[in-house]
Amino acid sequence: MTIIPIFVDTNAFIQMRDLKDIPWGNTFPQASRVDIIVTAPVIKELETFKVGTNERRRDRSRAALALIDEAMELDTMALELRSGRPSVWLKVAAHTRIDEARFPQLDLAKSDDQIVAHAAVHGEDAIVFSHDRGPRISARAMSVKTLKPVEAWLLPPERSDKDRKIEQLERAARERHPKIVVTIGEGRESFEGIVPILPPLDPEAIIRKMDAILAAYPRASLRRSSNIEEMMGYGLSSDTIDRYLKKYEEFKQGAAKYFERLHTLVRRAALVVDVPYKITNESGVAAKGLRIEARLEGDAWIAGDRADAYRQIGIPSLPGPPKPPSPHDGLRISPHLFNNFGSPPEPRDPTGFYWADRPEVGDKAASIMCEDYHPRRSWDDSALIVTNEVTFVGALRFHVIASNLPEPINASLAVRLIEREATWDDPAIVEMLRGIVTIEDD
């Protein structure tokens, strides 16, 4: 077995890649094992550096000493760092007293010359491994072989104190202002809305839906009042019951017609394009008076919410059933009449979002505000685009400002609609129906 003994200096642990990761096999193709030999002067310097102020030197010294401690716990005082050919071992050199008279050319008060002396005592196969010229010159003087690491084995240059100071100042400057990131359409370059082409519901499907509706809202069973009850003001008159029954039949007919044209309603609902967006504060500074302004380009407008959008585009709710009459209807007072009567308006949450400019029918711009948008917060919302054209092509543009933002943030997204054939069991259609088929209030 060919063993290559490598005597390292302290910088081999501080300024180089992990010694186990160096391609020793390329340098020593004949080697079956490489011993990284650590001597007492190296350990002494690592002990000093482990409490220093230099971050890289401190951290790497502590990591090296942890490996050395692990090796010292073993009987052979050698720890395998990497298996294979060659295997790489960390070996702690036995404490050996150096005879100064044997090495008059060396200054054994210096750590580098002590490393060279240990290598010379080991024998002619020893190699001094250092990026510094000093120990390599001393080794040559003692006829000890040397190895200089190639640049690829070194860590990137350490930042100077000046570099660190500049980075701290830049970080402090950045942290004076919030960092707001705007993502529209989940980060895609463009957004496509699908307008489905659906066949009308078949008669059996309409019957099933009608059965479900009538089971949920059955016709009330009403008793006609006698002449005496009617004279006393109790019970229900024949006219009242007949009006209810007529309204219930109208409800059934309206529901059936609603389901007959449901495919056209779904198609119109698809003209309301829901474009998601996210506003993220990636900094440690709150954005003050954050205002998100949305502007639409193209033959369309922005809606305040989905109910507004469906009302504007003419999508009715499913007709609701009539309320069964009661003999005491004339005496009832709506409980909603006195809701919030005399109550002061609730104060706004400064961390919440509120409309600054709520869009009306035909408006192409809208904006919301948050007075105090906290650090590390994300706000997910969506902009609702309403159009009458299935061939809509346009763009949604965002303009974000805050009192402590150094400059506005702008983002935009291309938006278009495309037609596509679909089926009633398509998951997207099923989800859309949940928002369309709602019962209108009586």
Foldseek 3Di string as FASTA:
>chain_A
DAEQEEEEALVCQQWFDPPQPPPVCVVPVPAQEYEHEYEDLNLVVLVVQLPDPDVSSNVSSVVVVVVQVVLCVDPQSKAFPAVDRNTYIYHYDDDDDQDCVVCVVADVVDSLSVSLSVQVVVHQSYEYEDQDPVSVVSNVVVNHHYDYDDPVRTDPDDDDPVRVVVVVVVLVVQQLFWDKDKDKQNNDQAAEFEQAQEDADDPVVLVVVLVVQCVVPPQDDADADDPVCVVVLAGHHPVLVVVQVVQQVVLSVQLSVCSRCVSVLSNQLSLWDWMKMKMWGAHQAKFAWKKKKKFKWWQWAWAQDSVLQCVLSPQDEREAHDDRDHSCVVVDDDPVPCVCPVPDDDDDDLQDKDWPAGDDPPHRMTMIIHRIPGHGDMDMGIIIIHHPDQFIKIKMKIWIDGPRHPHIDIDMHIYGYDYDYDYCPPVVNVVSVVVRHDYDDD
